[in-house]
Amino acid sequence: MAAKTAWRMLPKMLHALKALPRAFRGRVTSSAKRNERSDSAPKSLSGPKTDAEVAPQWIGSSDPALLVAGHSHRYSFLDYFVQSGETAPIAVLNQRDLVALTSDPSTGPIDEYFQIALATARERALPLGLIWDGNQHNWEFLIESEPRFSIFPAIGPWADGYPRPLVPRSLVYELFRFGLAGLRAVLSNVANENVLLFGTPPPKTEEQVRAGISTESVLVGLAEKLGMSSSTLSITPLPIRFELWRMTQELMSEIAAEFRVPFVRVPDEAMVNGALRVDASHPDATHANGLWGEMMVTQVRQLLAAG
């Protein structure tokens, strides 16, 4: 009986989120993507060589051993470059405008940003690390919806005492798989370039998420208008967010294998109890900092050294 009830609840669990959390979620996501724009990049990137122009441009070492391109989590690698005293042998493809998430090969070539990334990797014979999205689980599930749900093996018990029926992982896989069509399009354009696909940062603790939201004046103001605050928002429990994040990593790993592209997994040392380490966290709700970027670069070095 409980299983039938959970199945009947699936549409609501995944799509019919309440208006209040959904309205706030949209703003959280917009904030999470702010690092795609030069006027609000992480403060540690405000020095020379980090202002993005309208057109994509490479920022970092003039003699890099690794190129990095992709969505907003690329700023972790820029932060690593800055924090290294601009000595880290990496270059990151940056631009002022949002990097496209979707790409349909049937409608024409892939986005110019990724064309430039692949062309540079080919012309300079350098490895290119791609970082794709990484906020899927945050966009849909950072703020917990009603009815609540969970995914095995995150079965509780839950501190708030609310029941969270399990939903099939396969259903959530399909939700995330749809958003990875653009990644498939980009990887289908890889020929002889040495391309790697980065994993993306794990979720943050509830305390980190609330602290990150509290630093965003727009989000704080919106929450107040809705009779809420960063301390009263319903944040999805970490064990559930960890499983959701892990599913995105599994899907990207599968796609990388399909296109014979190495997948660079997030190392265990970047996490504590399923959450991004505090010292590897950028002070917002979703992004990592240069320490995480350095860890990922170390992963690439080890992978390339192993042949």
Protein backbone atom coordinates (compact mmCIF):
# COMPACT_ATOMS: atom_id res chain seq x y z
CA MET A 1 0.00 0.00 0.00
CA ALA A 2 2.81 2.41 0.90
CA ALA A 3 4.55 1.66 -2.39
CA LYS A 4 1.38 2.43 -4.37
CA THR A 5 0.97 5.69 -2.47
CA ALA A 6 4.56 6.70 -3.24
CA TRP A 7 4.06 5.98 -6.94
CA ARG A 8 0.88 8.09 -7.04
CA MET A 9 2.83 10.93 -5.44
CA LEU A 10 5.68 10.90 -7.99
CA PRO A 11 4.40 13.68 -10.26
CA LYS A 12 3.97 16.00 -7.31
CA MET A 13 7.26 15.00 -5.76
CA LEU A 14 9.25 15.87 -8.85
CA HIS A 15 7.33 18.57 -10.67
CA ALA A 16 4.45 20.17 -8.76
CA LEU A 17 6.58 21.99 -6.21
CA LYS A 18 4.78 24.59 -4.14
CA ALA A 19 4.79 28.14 -5.46
CA LEU A 20 6.66 29.60 -2.50
CA PRO A 21 9.70 27.29 -2.58
CA ARG A 22 9.72 27.38 -6.42
CA ALA A 23 9.78 31.17 -6.48
CA PHE A 24 12.69 31.22 -4.09
CA ARG A 25 14.43 28.36 -5.92
CA GLY A 26 14.50 30.36 -9.12
CA ARG A 27 16.33 33.16 -7.37
CA VAL A 28 18.78 30.77 -5.71
CA THR A 29 19.61 29.33 -9.11
CA SER A 30 20.05 32.75 -10.66
CA SER A 31 22.42 33.57 -7.83
CA ALA A 32 24.27 30.28 -8.28
CA LYS A 33 24.87 31.16 -11.92
CA ARG A 34 26.10 34.68 -11.13
CA ASN A 35 29.70 33.55 -11.40
CA GLU A 36 29.12 33.26 -15.15
CA ARG A 37 29.12 37.07 -15.28
CA SER A 38 32.21 39.23 -14.85
CA ASP A 39 30.54 41.93 -12.76
CA SER A 40 29.91 39.52 -9.89
CA ALA A 41 32.75 37.03 -10.06
CA PRO A 42 34.32 35.78 -6.82
CA LYS A 43 36.25 38.56 -5.13
CA SER A 44 39.50 36.63 -5.30
CA LEU A 45 39.23 36.89 -9.09
CA SER A 46 39.05 40.65 -9.18
CA GLY A 47 42.75 41.17 -9.82
CA PRO A 48 44.53 41.56 -13.14
CA LYS A 49 43.89 39.07 -15.94
CA THR A 50 40.46 38.02 -14.70
CA ASP A 51 37.98 40.49 -16.25
CA ALA A 52 35.97 38.63 -18.87
CA GLU A 53 35.29 40.32 -22.20
CA VAL A 54 32.21 39.82 -24.32
CA ALA A 55 33.97 37.24 -26.48
CA PRO A 56 35.48 34.13 -24.87
CA GLN A 57 39.10 34.60 -23.86
CA TRP A 58 41.69 32.47 -22.11
CA ILE A 59 42.69 33.65 -18.64
CA GLY A 60 45.58 32.22 -16.66
CA SER A 61 49.03 30.90 -17.49
CA SER A 62 50.60 31.91 -20.79
CA ASP A 63 52.21 28.47 -20.89
CA PRO A 64 49.53 26.15 -19.48
CA ALA A 65 49.72 22.42 -19.09
CA LEU A 66 45.93 22.18 -18.82
CA LEU A 67 43.02 24.08 -20.37
CA VAL A 68 39.68 24.34 -18.55
CA ALA A 69 36.33 25.34 -20.04
CA GLY A 70 32.71 25.07 -19.01
CA HIS A 71 30.01 26.52 -16.82
CA SER A 72 30.12 28.49 -13.56
CA HIS A 73 32.22 25.97 -11.61
CA ARG A 74 35.12 26.96 -13.86
CA TYR A 75 35.64 29.84 -11.44
CA SER A 76 37.09 27.38 -8.94
CA PHE A 77 39.97 26.88 -11.37
CA LEU A 78 40.39 30.61 -11.89
CA ASP A 79 40.45 31.02 -8.13
CA TYR A 80 43.12 28.32 -7.91
CA PHE A 81 45.20 30.22 -10.46
CA VAL A 82 44.88 33.47 -8.51
CA GLN A 83 45.53 31.87 -5.13
CA SER A 84 48.67 30.21 -6.53
CA GLY A 85 50.12 33.65 -7.15
CA GLU A 86 49.30 33.19 -10.84
CA THR A 87 51.81 30.35 -11.11
CA ALA A 88 49.47 27.39 -11.59
CA PRO A 89 49.97 26.03 -15.14
CA ILE A 90 46.32 26.29 -16.18
CA ALA A 91 44.27 28.56 -18.42
CA VAL A 92 40.50 28.93 -18.20
CA LEU A 93 38.21 30.00 -21.03
CA ASN A 94 36.08 32.81 -19.65
CA GLN A 95 33.38 35.08 -21.01
CA ARG A 96 30.98 37.67 -19.67
CA ASP A 97 27.75 36.03 -20.82
CA LEU A 98 26.27 32.74 -19.69
CA VAL A 99 27.75 29.65 -21.29
CA ALA A 100 24.98 27.72 -23.02
CA LEU A 101 23.73 24.54 -21.40
CA THR A 102 21.84 23.25 -24.42
CA SER A 103 23.06 22.37 -27.86
CA ASP A 104 21.27 20.49 -30.62
CA PRO A 105 23.54 19.13 -33.37
CA SER A 106 20.55 19.02 -35.71
CA THR A 107 20.17 22.81 -35.60
CA GLY A 108 23.76 23.70 -36.36
CA PRO A 109 27.21 23.81 -34.74
CA ILE A 110 27.79 23.80 -31.00
CA ASP A 111 28.10 27.04 -29.08
CA GLU A 112 31.05 29.24 -30.10
CA TYR A 113 32.46 29.01 -26.59
CA PHE A 114 32.99 25.25 -26.87
CA GLN A 115 34.17 25.55 -30.46
CA ILE A 116 36.95 27.83 -29.25
CA ALA A 117 37.82 25.48 -26.37
CA LEU A 118 38.13 22.46 -28.66
CA ALA A 119 40.01 24.39 -31.34
CA THR A 120 42.58 25.66 -28.83
CA ALA A 121 43.10 22.19 -27.38
CA ARG A 122 43.65 20.86 -30.89
CA GLU A 123 45.94 23.64 -32.09
CA ARG A 124 48.09 23.71 -28.94
CA ALA A 125 48.01 19.94 -28.35
CA LEU A 126 46.96 20.47 -24.72
CA PRO A 127 44.54 18.49 -22.54
CA LEU A 128 41.18 20.20 -22.12
CA GLY A 129 39.12 19.67 -18.97
CA LEU A 130 35.40 20.33 -19.48
CA ILE A 131 33.14 21.18 -16.56
CA TRP A 132 29.46 20.79 -17.32
CA ASP A 133 26.67 22.45 -15.31
CA GLY A 134 26.96 20.95 -11.81
CA ASN A 135 23.91 22.69 -10.35
CA GLN A 136 21.17 20.36 -11.62
CA HIS A 137 20.47 18.99 -8.15
CA ASN A 138 20.56 22.47 -6.64
CA TRP A 139 18.13 23.93 -9.17
CA GLU A 140 15.51 21.26 -8.59
CA PHE A 141 16.02 20.23 -4.99
CA LEU A 142 18.13 22.60 -2.89
CA ILE A 143 14.96 24.03 -1.35
CA GLU A 144 12.80 21.11 -0.25
CA SER A 145 9.38 20.82 -1.83
CA GLU A 146 6.19 19.28 -0.55
CA PRO A 147 5.35 16.46 -0.57
CA ARG A 148 8.78 15.47 0.66
CA PHE A 149 10.61 12.48 -0.79
CA SER A 150 13.91 10.65 -0.64
CA ILE A 151 16.01 8.26 -2.70
CA PHE A 152 17.56 5.02 -1.53
CA PRO A 153 19.85 4.60 0.36
CA ALA A 154 18.94 7.90 2.06
CA ILE A 155 16.18 6.43 4.23
CA GLY A 156 16.42 8.48 7.42
CA PRO A 157 15.47 8.75 10.19
CA TRP A 158 15.03 12.47 9.69
CA ALA A 159 15.68 15.07 12.38
CA ASP A 160 12.44 16.94 11.63
CA GLY A 161 10.36 13.78 11.95
CA TYR A 162 8.68 14.15 8.56
CA PRO A 163 8.20 11.02 6.43
CA ARG A 164 9.98 10.99 3.09
CA PRO A 165 8.76 8.15 0.85
CA LEU A 166 11.32 6.69 -1.53
CA VAL A 167 11.01 7.36 -5.25
CA PRO A 168 12.69 5.27 -7.97
CA ARG A 169 16.19 6.38 -8.86
CA SER A 170 15.36 5.68 -12.50
CA LEU A 171 12.79 8.49 -12.51
CA VAL A 172 15.25 11.05 -11.17
CA TYR A 173 17.90 9.77 -13.57
CA GLU A 174 15.60 10.66 -16.45
CA LEU A 175 15.04 14.14 -15.05
CA PHE A 176 18.80 14.75 -14.92
CA ARG A 177 19.54 12.91 -18.17
CA PHE A 178 17.41 15.36 -20.13
CA GLY A 179 19.62 18.27 -19.05
CA LEU A 180 22.79 16.53 -20.26
CA ALA A 181 21.85 16.56 -23.96
CA GLY A 182 24.12 19.56 -24.48
CA LEU A 183 27.08 17.67 -23.03
CA ARG A 184 26.50 14.86 -25.51
CA ALA A 185 26.46 17.40 -28.33
CA VAL A 186 29.79 18.89 -27.25
CA LEU A 187 31.47 15.52 -26.78
CA SER A 188 30.21 14.36 -30.17
CA ASN A 189 32.43 17.08 -31.65
CA VAL A 190 35.57 15.71 -30.00
CA ALA A 191 37.88 14.16 -32.59
CA ASN A 192 41.57 13.91 -31.78
CA GLU A 193 41.58 16.45 -28.96
CA ASN A 194 42.71 15.24 -25.53
CA VAL A 195 39.50 15.98 -23.61
CA LEU A 196 38.60 15.10 -20.01
CA LEU A 197 35.29 15.61 -18.22
CA PHE A 198 35.41 16.99 -14.68
CA GLY A 199 33.11 15.92 -11.91
CA THR A 200 31.39 18.83 -10.16
CA PRO A 201 31.39 19.98 -6.51
CA PRO A 202 29.40 17.96 -3.99
CA PRO A 203 26.59 19.59 -1.99
CA LYS A 204 27.25 21.78 1.02
CA THR A 205 26.05 21.33 4.57
CA GLU A 206 22.80 22.98 5.54
CA GLU A 207 24.77 25.51 7.59
CA GLN A 208 26.90 26.42 4.57
CA VAL A 209 23.84 26.73 2.35
CA ARG A 210 22.05 29.03 4.78
CA ALA A 211 25.19 31.10 5.28
CA GLY A 212 25.60 31.38 1.51
CA ILE A 213 22.01 32.47 0.98
CA SER A 214 22.33 35.02 3.80
CA THR A 215 25.13 36.80 1.92
CA GLU A 216 22.89 37.41 -1.09
CA SER A 217 20.95 40.61 -0.46
CA VAL A 218 18.49 39.87 -3.27
CA LEU A 219 17.68 36.45 -1.84
CA VAL A 220 17.43 37.77 1.71
CA GLY A 221 15.06 40.49 0.54
CA LEU A 222 12.90 38.06 -1.39
CA ALA A 223 12.73 35.68 1.56
CA GLU A 224 11.64 38.52 3.85
CA LYS A 225 8.86 39.50 1.46
CA LEU A 226 7.66 35.90 1.57
CA GLY A 227 7.75 35.85 5.35
CA MET A 228 10.86 33.69 5.45
CA SER A 229 14.56 34.01 6.17
CA SER A 230 17.70 32.04 5.42
CA SER A 231 17.27 30.39 8.83
CA THR A 232 13.68 29.24 8.19
CA LEU A 233 13.93 28.02 4.59
CA SER A 234 13.32 24.30 4.22
CA ILE A 235 16.66 22.96 2.93
CA THR A 236 16.60 19.43 1.55
CA PRO A 237 18.49 17.13 3.96
CA LEU A 238 22.13 16.57 3.02
CA PRO A 239 21.86 12.75 2.60
CA ILE A 240 19.22 13.30 -0.10
CA ARG A 241 21.19 16.06 -1.81
CA PHE A 242 24.28 13.86 -1.74
CA GLU A 243 22.42 11.05 -3.52
CA LEU A 244 21.06 13.51 -6.08
CA TRP A 245 24.56 14.87 -6.69
CA ARG A 246 25.97 11.35 -6.92
CA MET A 247 23.40 10.53 -9.59
CA THR A 248 24.58 13.47 -11.71
CA GLN A 249 28.15 12.24 -11.37
CA GLU A 250 27.15 8.72 -12.39
CA LEU A 251 25.34 10.02 -15.46
CA MET A 252 28.27 12.18 -16.54
CA SER A 253 30.65 9.28 -16.01
CA GLU A 254 28.46 7.10 -18.24
CA ILE A 255 28.37 9.74 -20.96
CA ALA A 256 32.14 10.21 -20.75
CA ALA A 257 32.63 6.47 -21.15
CA GLU A 258 30.27 6.43 -24.12
CA PHE A 259 32.45 9.01 -25.89
CA ARG A 260 35.69 7.47 -24.61
CA VAL A 261 36.55 10.58 -22.60
CA PRO A 262 38.18 10.17 -19.16
CA PHE A 263 35.97 11.22 -16.26
CA VAL A 264 37.79 13.05 -13.46
CA ARG A 265 36.01 12.12 -10.25
CA VAL A 266 35.83 14.37 -7.21
CA PRO A 267 38.34 12.95 -4.69
CA ASP A 268 37.10 11.71 -1.34
CA GLU A 269 39.33 14.22 0.42
CA ALA A 270 37.19 17.04 -0.99
CA MET A 271 34.28 15.87 1.18
CA VAL A 272 33.43 15.40 4.83
CA ASN A 273 30.41 13.18 5.53
CA GLY A 274 29.08 13.70 2.01
CA ALA A 275 29.46 17.47 1.99
CA LEU A 276 31.99 19.77 0.37
CA ARG A 277 34.77 20.63 2.81
CA VAL A 278 34.31 24.02 4.43
CA ASP A 279 37.81 25.15 3.42
CA ALA A 280 37.05 24.19 -0.19
CA SER A 281 33.80 26.14 -0.30
CA HIS A 282 33.19 29.53 -1.94
CA PRO A 283 31.01 31.70 0.34
CA ASP A 284 27.75 31.11 -1.51
CA ALA A 285 25.19 28.30 -1.48
CA THR A 286 26.58 26.10 -4.25
CA HIS A 287 30.11 26.82 -5.50
CA ALA A 288 33.57 25.59 -4.53
CA ASN A 289 36.76 27.65 -4.32
CA GLY A 290 40.32 27.37 -5.57
CA LEU A 291 41.25 24.60 -3.14
CA TRP A 292 38.69 22.35 -4.80
CA GLY A 293 40.00 23.46 -8.20
CA GLU A 294 43.51 22.51 -7.12
CA MET A 295 42.32 19.09 -5.97
CA MET A 296 40.72 18.47 -9.36
CA VAL A 297 43.84 19.56 -11.21
CA THR A 298 45.85 17.13 -9.07
CA GLN A 299 43.40 14.41 -10.09
CA VAL A 300 44.04 15.25 -13.75
CA ARG A 301 47.80 15.14 -13.29
CA GLN A 302 47.58 11.70 -11.70
CA LEU A 303 45.27 10.47 -14.43
CA LEU A 304 47.51 11.74 -17.23
CA ALA A 305 50.64 10.39 -15.54
CA ALA A 306 49.04 6.96 -15.34
CA GLY A 307 48.71 7.00 -19.12
